[in-house]
Amino acid sequence: MGEFIGQMVKEIREISGIDTAEAIRIGLLPPTEARKWLVKQKYFILAAGSGRTYTDIKYELSEEYGMSVSSIEKLVYGRTK
């Protein structure tokens, strides 16, 4: 398992208490879906307690997880095509 995926598994475990390593390893949970879930959860956690602007949080998560700000907005605000 790659370093990035390993870090995601660790963060998901910290937030939810669920160990997703095996599900990702066998292909039951695609890493892209795990990343989306993690980014959305971290957004709401940071928005509730960090005192930063929503824009700052989106840019931070964009940089940290390699997602565009517009993709994060779609996740958070539920915009779909």
PDB file of N, CA and C in Angstrom:
ATOM      1  N   MET A   1       0.856  -1.171   0.000  1.00  0.00           N
ATOM      2  CA  MET A   1       0.000   0.000   0.000  1.00  0.00           C
ATOM      3  C   MET A   1       0.899   1.231   0.000  1.00  0.00           C
ATOM      4  N   GLY A   2       0.594   2.189  -0.850  1.00  0.00           N
ATOM      5  CA  GLY A   2       1.407   3.381  -0.962  1.00  0.00           C
ATOM      6  C   GLY A   2       1.348   4.252   0.280  1.00  0.00           C
ATOM      7  N   GLU A   3       2.313   5.143   0.373  1.00  0.00           N
ATOM      8  CA  GLU A   3       2.410   6.032   1.538  1.00  0.00           C
ATOM      9  C   GLU A   3       1.174   6.925   1.667  1.00  0.00           C
ATOM     10  N   PHE A   4       0.711   7.470   0.535  1.00  0.00           N
ATOM     11  CA  PHE A   4      -0.457   8.352   0.558  1.00  0.00           C
ATOM     12  C   PHE A   4      -1.696   7.594   1.031  1.00  0.00           C
ATOM     13  N   ILE A   5      -1.898   6.395   0.509  1.00  0.00           N
ATOM     14  CA  ILE A   5      -3.054   5.593   0.897  1.00  0.00           C
ATOM     15  C   ILE A   5      -2.935   5.180   2.359  1.00  0.00           C
ATOM     16  N   GLY A   6      -1.739   4.827   2.782  1.00  0.00           N
ATOM     17  CA  GLY A   6      -1.523   4.478   4.187  1.00  0.00           C
ATOM     18  C   GLY A   6      -1.877   5.626   5.115  1.00  0.00           C
ATOM     19  N   GLN A   7      -1.529   6.846   4.724  1.00  0.00           N
ATOM     20  CA  GLN A   7      -1.862   8.023   5.533  1.00  0.00           C
ATOM     21  C   GLN A   7      -3.377   8.237   5.562  1.00  0.00           C
ATOM     22  N   MET A   8      -4.041   8.025   4.403  1.00  0.00           N
ATOM     23  CA  MET A   8      -5.493   8.156   4.368  1.00  0.00           C
ATOM     24  C   MET A   8      -6.153   7.143   5.298  1.00  0.00           C
ATOM     25  N   VAL A   9      -5.678   5.898   5.257  1.00  0.00           N
ATOM     26  CA  VAL A   9      -6.233   4.849   6.117  1.00  0.00           C
ATOM     27  C   VAL A   9      -6.100   5.250   7.586  1.00  0.00           C
ATOM     28  N   LYS A  10      -4.943   5.790   7.933  1.00  0.00           N
ATOM     29  CA  LYS A  10      -4.705   6.222   9.319  1.00  0.00           C
ATOM     30  C   LYS A  10      -5.670   7.346   9.715  1.00  0.00           C
ATOM     31  N   GLU A  11      -5.851   8.320   8.829  1.00  0.00           N
ATOM     32  CA  GLU A  11      -6.736   9.444   9.139  1.00  0.00           C
ATOM     33  C   GLU A  11      -8.190   9.001   9.223  1.00  0.00           C
ATOM     34  N   ILE A  12      -8.611   8.099   8.335  1.00  0.00           N
ATOM     35  CA  ILE A  12      -9.984   7.587   8.394  1.00  0.00           C
ATOM     36  C   ILE A  12     -10.204   6.859   9.712  1.00  0.00           C
ATOM     37  N   ARG A  13      -9.219   6.076  10.133  1.00  0.00           N
ATOM     38  CA  ARG A  13      -9.314   5.352  11.409  1.00  0.00           C
ATOM     39  C   ARG A  13      -9.446   6.339  12.567  1.00  0.00           C
ATOM     40  N   GLU A  14      -8.671   7.435  12.529  1.00  0.00           N
ATOM     41  CA  GLU A  14      -8.732   8.429  13.600  1.00  0.00           C
ATOM     42  C   GLU A  14     -10.086   9.122  13.662  1.00  0.00           C
ATOM     43  N   ILE A  15     -10.659   9.418  12.499  1.00  0.00           N
ATOM     44  CA  ILE A  15     -11.933  10.143  12.447  1.00  0.00           C
ATOM     45  C   ILE A  15     -13.112   9.227  12.746  1.00  0.00           C
ATOM     46  N   SER A  16     -13.104   8.026  12.162  1.00  0.00           N
ATOM     47  CA  SER A  16     -14.290   7.173  12.250  1.00  0.00           C
ATOM     48  C   SER A  16     -14.150   5.952  13.142  1.00  0.00           C
ATOM     49  N   GLY A  17     -12.908   5.568  13.434  1.00  0.00           N
ATOM     50  CA  GLY A  17     -12.693   4.343  14.186  1.00  0.00           C
ATOM     51  C   GLY A  17     -12.733   3.094  13.327  1.00  0.00           C
ATOM     52  N   ILE A  18     -12.848   3.256  12.013  1.00  0.00           N
ATOM     53  CA  ILE A  18     -12.936   2.127  11.086  1.00  0.00           C
ATOM     54  C   ILE A  18     -11.591   1.937  10.392  1.00  0.00           C
ATOM     55  N   ASP A  19     -11.117   0.696  10.362  1.00  0.00           N
ATOM     56  CA  ASP A  19      -9.875   0.374   9.660  1.00  0.00           C
ATOM     57  C   ASP A  19     -10.227  -0.039   8.235  1.00  0.00           C
ATOM     58  N   THR A  20      -9.920   0.815   7.290  1.00  0.00           N
ATOM     59  CA  THR A  20     -10.285   0.583   5.890  1.00  0.00           C
ATOM     60  C   THR A  20      -9.172  -0.065   5.071  1.00  0.00           C
ATOM     61  N   ALA A  21      -8.058  -0.377   5.691  1.00  0.00           N
ATOM     62  CA  ALA A  21      -6.898  -0.892   4.964  1.00  0.00           C
ATOM     63  C   ALA A  21      -7.230  -2.131   4.143  1.00  0.00           C
ATOM     64  N   GLU A  22      -7.883  -3.088   4.745  1.00  0.00           N
ATOM     65  CA  GLU A  22      -8.191  -4.335   4.028  1.00  0.00           C
ATOM     66  C   GLU A  22      -9.183  -4.098   2.898  1.00  0.00           C
ATOM     67  N   ALA A  23     -10.189  -3.269   3.126  1.00  0.00           N
ATOM     68  CA  ALA A  23     -11.181  -2.970   2.090  1.00  0.00           C
ATOM     69  C   ALA A  23     -10.528  -2.305   0.884  1.00  0.00           C
ATOM     70  N   ILE A  24      -9.586  -1.419   1.125  1.00  0.00           N
ATOM     71  CA  ILE A  24      -8.872  -0.774   0.028  1.00  0.00           C
ATOM     72  C   ILE A  24      -7.948  -1.778  -0.654  1.00  0.00           C
ATOM     73  N   ARG A  25      -7.261  -2.596   0.133  1.00  0.00           N
ATOM     74  CA  ARG A  25      -6.303  -3.556  -0.418  1.00  0.00           C
ATOM     75  C   ARG A  25      -6.963  -4.548  -1.368  1.00  0.00           C
ATOM     76  N   ILE A  26      -8.158  -5.028  -1.020  1.00  0.00           N
ATOM     77  CA  ILE A  26      -8.810  -6.018  -1.879  1.00  0.00           C
ATOM     78  C   ILE A  26      -9.691  -5.389  -2.959  1.00  0.00           C
ATOM     79  N   GLY A  27      -9.774  -4.067  -2.984  1.00  0.00           N
ATOM     80  CA  GLY A  27     -10.519  -3.382  -4.032  1.00  0.00           C
ATOM     81  C   GLY A  27     -11.983  -3.149  -3.729  1.00  0.00           C
ATOM     82  N   LEU A  28     -12.411  -3.452  -2.529  1.00  0.00           N
ATOM     83  CA  LEU A  28     -13.800  -3.234  -2.143  1.00  0.00           C
ATOM     84  C   LEU A  28     -14.102  -1.742  -1.997  1.00  0.00           C
ATOM     85  N   LEU A  29     -13.135  -0.993  -1.511  1.00  0.00           N
ATOM     86  CA  LEU A  29     -13.258   0.454  -1.348  1.00  0.00           C
ATOM     87  C   LEU A  29     -12.181   1.122  -2.201  1.00  0.00           C
ATOM     88  N   PRO A  30     -12.583   1.768  -3.299  1.00  0.00           N
ATOM     89  CA  PRO A  30     -11.587   2.452  -4.135  1.00  0.00           C
ATOM     90  C   PRO A  30     -10.924   3.605  -3.367  1.00  0.00           C
ATOM     91  N   PRO A  31      -9.621   3.773  -3.501  1.00  0.00           N
ATOM     92  CA  PRO A  31      -8.929   4.867  -2.801  1.00  0.00           C
ATOM     93  C   PRO A  31      -9.513   6.239  -3.115  1.00  0.00           C
ATOM     94  N   THR A  32     -10.011   6.429  -4.331  1.00  0.00           N
ATOM     95  CA  THR A  32     -10.586   7.734  -4.684  1.00  0.00           C
ATOM     96  C   THR A  32     -11.836   8.025  -3.858  1.00  0.00           C
ATOM     97  N   GLU A  33     -12.644   7.002  -3.597  1.00  0.00           N
ATOM     98  CA  GLU A  33     -13.845   7.201  -2.779  1.00  0.00           C
ATOM     99  C   GLU A  33     -13.479   7.434  -1.318  1.00  0.00           C
ATOM    100  N   ALA A  34     -12.463   6.736  -0.844  1.00  0.00           N
ATOM    101  CA  ALA A  34     -11.988   6.946   0.529  1.00  0.00           C
ATOM    102  C   ALA A  34     -11.477   8.378   0.685  1.00  0.00           C
ATOM    103  N   ARG A  35     -10.755   8.858  -0.328  1.00  0.00           N
ATOM    104  CA  ARG A  35     -10.228  10.226  -0.285  1.00  0.00           C
ATOM    105  C   ARG A  35     -11.372  11.241  -0.255  1.00  0.00           C
ATOM    106  N   LYS A  36     -12.403  11.025  -1.074  1.00  0.00           N
ATOM    107  CA  LYS A  36     -13.542  11.947  -1.085  1.00  0.00           C
ATOM    108  C   LYS A  36     -14.206  12.010   0.284  1.00  0.00           C
ATOM    109  N   TRP A  37     -14.426  10.838   0.892  1.00  0.00           N
ATOM    110  CA  TRP A  37     -15.057  10.799   2.206  1.00  0.00           C
ATOM    111  C   TRP A  37     -14.207  11.544   3.225  1.00  0.00           C
ATOM    112  N   LEU A  38     -12.902  11.279   3.193  1.00  0.00           N
ATOM    113  CA  LEU A  38     -11.988  11.892   4.147  1.00  0.00           C
ATOM    114  C   LEU A  38     -11.949  13.404   3.995  1.00  0.00           C
ATOM    115  N   VAL A  39     -11.871  13.889   2.775  1.00  0.00           N
ATOM    116  CA  VAL A  39     -11.827  15.338   2.534  1.00  0.00           C
ATOM    117  C   VAL A  39     -13.101  16.007   3.042  1.00  0.00           C
ATOM    118  N   LYS A  40     -14.234  15.393   2.766  1.00  0.00           N
ATOM    119  CA  LYS A  40     -15.505  15.971   3.218  1.00  0.00           C
ATOM    120  C   LYS A  40     -15.575  16.018   4.745  1.00  0.00           C
ATOM    121  N   GLN A  41     -15.180  14.944   5.397  1.00  0.00           N
ATOM    122  CA  GLN A  41     -15.205  14.910   6.855  1.00  0.00           C
ATOM    123  C   GLN A  41     -14.252  15.932   7.460  1.00  0.00           C
ATOM    124  N   LYS A  42     -13.038  16.009   6.904  1.00  0.00           N
ATOM    125  CA  LYS A  42     -12.054  16.966   7.423  1.00  0.00           C
ATOM    126  C   LYS A  42     -12.520  18.402   7.211  1.00  0.00           C
ATOM    127  N   TYR A  43     -13.205  18.663   6.088  1.00  0.00           N
ATOM    128  CA  TYR A  43     -13.721  20.007   5.835  1.00  0.00           C
ATOM    129  C   TYR A  43     -14.653  20.423   6.975  1.00  0.00           C
ATOM    130  N   PHE A  44     -15.614  19.558   7.309  1.00  0.00           N
ATOM    131  CA  PHE A  44     -16.581  19.914   8.344  1.00  0.00           C
ATOM    132  C   PHE A  44     -15.936  19.998   9.724  1.00  0.00           C
ATOM    133  N   ILE A  45     -14.968  19.168   9.991  1.00  0.00           N
ATOM    134  CA  ILE A  45     -14.255  19.239  11.271  1.00  0.00           C
ATOM    135  C   ILE A  45     -13.499  20.555  11.379  1.00  0.00           C
ATOM    136  N   LEU A  46     -12.774  20.919  10.309  1.00  0.00           N
ATOM    137  CA  LEU A  46     -12.007  22.165  10.327  1.00  0.00           C
ATOM    138  C   LEU A  46     -12.920  23.386  10.345  1.00  0.00           C
ATOM    139  N   ALA A  47     -14.029  23.318   9.625  1.00  0.00           N
ATOM    140  CA  ALA A  47     -14.962  24.449   9.583  1.00  0.00           C
ATOM    141  C   ALA A  47     -15.589  24.701  10.947  1.00  0.00           C
ATOM    142  N   ALA A  48     -15.799  23.639  11.705  1.00  0.00           N
ATOM    143  CA  ALA A  48     -16.450  23.779  13.007  1.00  0.00           C
ATOM    144  C   ALA A  48     -15.515  24.313  14.087  1.00  0.00           C
ATOM    145  N   GLY A  49     -14.214  24.013  13.967  1.00  0.00           N
ATOM    146  CA  GLY A  49     -13.386  24.341  15.106  1.00  0.00           C
ATOM    147  C   GLY A  49     -12.091  25.082  14.853  1.00  0.00           C
ATOM    148  N   SER A  50     -11.813  25.472  13.622  1.00  0.00           N
ATOM    149  CA  SER A  50     -10.500  26.054  13.369  1.00  0.00           C
ATOM    150  C   SER A  50     -10.490  27.577  13.366  1.00  0.00           C
ATOM    151  N   GLY A  51     -11.641  28.197  13.146  1.00  0.00           N
ATOM    152  CA  GLY A  51     -11.690  29.647  13.090  1.00  0.00           C
ATOM    153  C   GLY A  51     -11.193  30.216  11.765  1.00  0.00           C
ATOM    154  N   ARG A  52     -10.866  29.342  10.834  1.00  0.00           N
ATOM    155  CA  ARG A  52     -10.416  29.807   9.510  1.00  0.00           C
ATOM    156  C   ARG A  52     -11.604  29.965   8.578  1.00  0.00           C
ATOM    157  N   THR A  53     -11.372  30.663   7.479  1.00  0.00           N
ATOM    158  CA  THR A  53     -12.445  30.842   6.507  1.00  0.00           C
ATOM    159  C   THR A  53     -12.651  29.540   5.733  1.00  0.00           C
ATOM    160  N   TYR A  54     -13.854  29.379   5.204  1.00  0.00           N
ATOM    161  CA  TYR A  54     -14.160  28.193   4.407  1.00  0.00           C
ATOM    162  C   TYR A  54     -13.260  28.119   3.177  1.00  0.00           C
ATOM    163  N   THR A  55     -12.956  29.257   2.613  1.00  0.00           N
ATOM    164  CA  THR A  55     -12.081  29.295   1.440  1.00  0.00           C
ATOM    165  C   THR A  55     -10.687  28.798   1.794  1.00  0.00           C
ATOM    166  N   ASP A  56     -10.144  29.249   2.917  1.00  0.00           N
ATOM    167  CA  ASP A  56      -8.823  28.790   3.348  1.00  0.00           C
ATOM    168  C   ASP A  56      -8.802  27.280   3.556  1.00  0.00           C
ATOM    169  N   ILE A  57      -9.861  26.763   4.149  1.00  0.00           N
ATOM    170  CA  ILE A  57      -9.948  25.323   4.398  1.00  0.00           C
ATOM    171  C   ILE A  57      -9.971  24.566   3.077  1.00  0.00           C
ATOM    172  N   LYS A  58     -10.760  25.031   2.125  1.00  0.00           N
ATOM    173  CA  LYS A  58     -10.837  24.350   0.820  1.00  0.00           C
ATOM    174  C   LYS A  58      -9.486  24.349   0.125  1.00  0.00           C
ATOM    175  N   TYR A  59      -8.766  25.472   0.165  1.00  0.00           N
ATOM    176  CA  TYR A  59      -7.454  25.524  -0.473  1.00  0.00           C
ATOM    177  C   TYR A  59      -6.450  24.615   0.228  1.00  0.00           C
ATOM    178  N   GLU A  60      -6.517  24.560   1.554  1.00  0.00           N
ATOM    179  CA  GLU A  60      -5.617  23.676   2.305  1.00  0.00           C
ATOM    180  C   GLU A  60      -5.869  22.213   1.941  1.00  0.00           C
ATOM    181  N   LEU A  61      -7.136  21.814   1.937  1.00  0.00           N
ATOM    182  CA  LEU A  61      -7.475  20.432   1.600  1.00  0.00           C
ATOM    183  C   LEU A  61      -7.146  20.114   0.148  1.00  0.00           C
ATOM    184  N   SER A  62      -7.324  21.083  -0.721  1.00  0.00           N
ATOM    185  CA  SER A  62      -6.982  20.906  -2.131  1.00  0.00           C
ATOM    186  C   SER A  62      -5.508  20.580  -2.294  1.00  0.00           C
ATOM    187  N   GLU A  63      -4.686  21.323  -1.606  1.00  0.00           N
ATOM    188  CA  GLU A  63      -3.243  21.107  -1.670  1.00  0.00           C
ATOM    189  C   GLU A  63      -2.847  19.782  -1.014  1.00  0.00           C
ATOM    190  N   GLU A  64      -3.434  19.488   0.125  1.00  0.00           N
ATOM    191  CA  GLU A  64      -3.073  18.285   0.880  1.00  0.00           C
ATOM    192  C   GLU A  64      -3.481  16.992   0.177  1.00  0.00           C
ATOM    193  N   TYR A  65      -4.637  17.009  -0.503  1.00  0.00           N
ATOM    194  CA  TYR A  65      -5.166  15.779  -1.088  1.00  0.00           C
ATOM    195  C   TYR A  65      -5.173  15.763  -2.614  1.00  0.00           C
ATOM    196  N   GLY A  66      -4.628  16.784  -3.237  1.00  0.00           N
ATOM    197  CA  GLY A  66      -4.513  16.786  -4.689  1.00  0.00           C
ATOM    198  C   GLY A  66      -5.848  16.831  -5.411  1.00  0.00           C
ATOM    199  N   MET A  67      -6.784  17.574  -4.858  1.00  0.00           N
ATOM    200  CA  MET A  67      -8.096  17.750  -5.474  1.00  0.00           C
ATOM    201  C   MET A  67      -8.291  19.228  -5.783  1.00  0.00           C
ATOM    202  N   SER A  68      -9.069  19.509  -6.807  1.00  0.00           N
ATOM    203  CA  SER A  68      -9.346  20.904  -7.119  1.00  0.00           C
ATOM    204  C   SER A  68     -10.321  21.475  -6.094  1.00  0.00           C
ATOM    205  N   VAL A  69     -10.277  22.777  -5.934  1.00  0.00           N
ATOM    206  CA  VAL A  69     -11.187  23.455  -5.015  1.00  0.00           C
ATOM    207  C   VAL A  69     -12.624  23.228  -5.465  1.00  0.00           C
ATOM    208  N   SER A  70     -12.874  23.249  -6.762  1.00  0.00           N
ATOM    209  CA  SER A  70     -14.243  23.036  -7.245  1.00  0.00           C
ATOM    210  C   SER A  70     -14.723  21.618  -6.942  1.00  0.00           C
ATOM    211  N   SER A  71     -13.835  20.633  -6.988  1.00  0.00           N
ATOM    212  CA  SER A  71     -14.215  19.262  -6.619  1.00  0.00           C
ATOM    213  C   SER A  71     -14.587  19.183  -5.145  1.00  0.00           C
ATOM    214  N   ILE A  72     -13.843  19.890  -4.315  1.00  0.00           N
ATOM    215  CA  ILE A  72     -14.147  19.911  -2.889  1.00  0.00           C
ATOM    216  C   ILE A  72     -15.488  20.598  -2.651  1.00  0.00           C
ATOM    217  N   GLU A  73     -15.740  21.686  -3.355  1.00  0.00           N
ATOM    218  CA  GLU A  73     -17.024  22.370  -3.222  1.00  0.00           C
ATOM    219  C   GLU A  73     -18.177  21.438  -3.604  1.00  0.00           C
ATOM    220  N   LYS A  74     -17.994  20.657  -4.658  1.00  0.00           N
ATOM    221  CA  LYS A  74     -19.034  19.709  -5.067  1.00  0.00           C
ATOM    222  C   LYS A  74     -19.278  18.664  -3.994  1.00  0.00           C
ATOM    223  N   LEU A  75     -18.212  18.193  -3.365  1.00  0.00           N
ATOM    224  CA  LEU A  75     -18.357  17.223  -2.281  1.00  0.00           C
ATOM    225  C   LEU A  75     -19.105  17.822  -1.098  1.00  0.00           C
ATOM    226  N   VAL A  76     -18.691  19.007  -0.714  1.00  0.00           N
ATOM    227  CA  VAL A  76     -19.226  19.647   0.488  1.00  0.00           C
ATOM    228  C   VAL A  76     -20.642  20.152   0.289  1.00  0.00           C
ATOM    229  N   TYR A  77     -20.873  20.801  -0.833  1.00  0.00           N
ATOM    230  CA  TYR A  77     -22.173  21.428  -1.058  1.00  0.00           C
ATOM    231  C   TYR A  77     -23.123  20.566  -1.853  1.00  0.00           C
ATOM    232  N   GLY A  78     -22.667  19.387  -2.272  1.00  0.00           N
ATOM    233  CA  GLY A  78     -23.547  18.435  -2.946  1.00  0.00           C
ATOM    234  C   GLY A  78     -23.891  18.778  -4.373  1.00  0.00           C
ATOM    235  N   ARG A  79     -23.085  19.589  -5.016  1.00  0.00           N
ATOM    236  CA  ARG A  79     -23.351  19.907  -6.419  1.00  0.00           C
ATOM    237  C   ARG A  79     -22.938  18.737  -7.294  1.00  0.00           C
ATOM    238  N   THR A  80     -23.838  18.302  -8.135  1.00  0.00           N
ATOM    239  CA  THR A  80     -23.528  17.230  -9.079  1.00  0.00           C
ATOM    240  C   THR A  80     -23.941  17.651 -10.474  1.00  0.00           C
ATOM    241  N   LYS A  81     -23.442  16.938 -11.441  1.00  0.00           N
ATOM    242  CA  LYS A  81     -23.784  17.242 -12.833  1.00  0.00           C
ATOM    243  C   LYS A  81     -25.177  16.777 -13.157  1.00  0.00           C
TER     244      LYS A  81
END
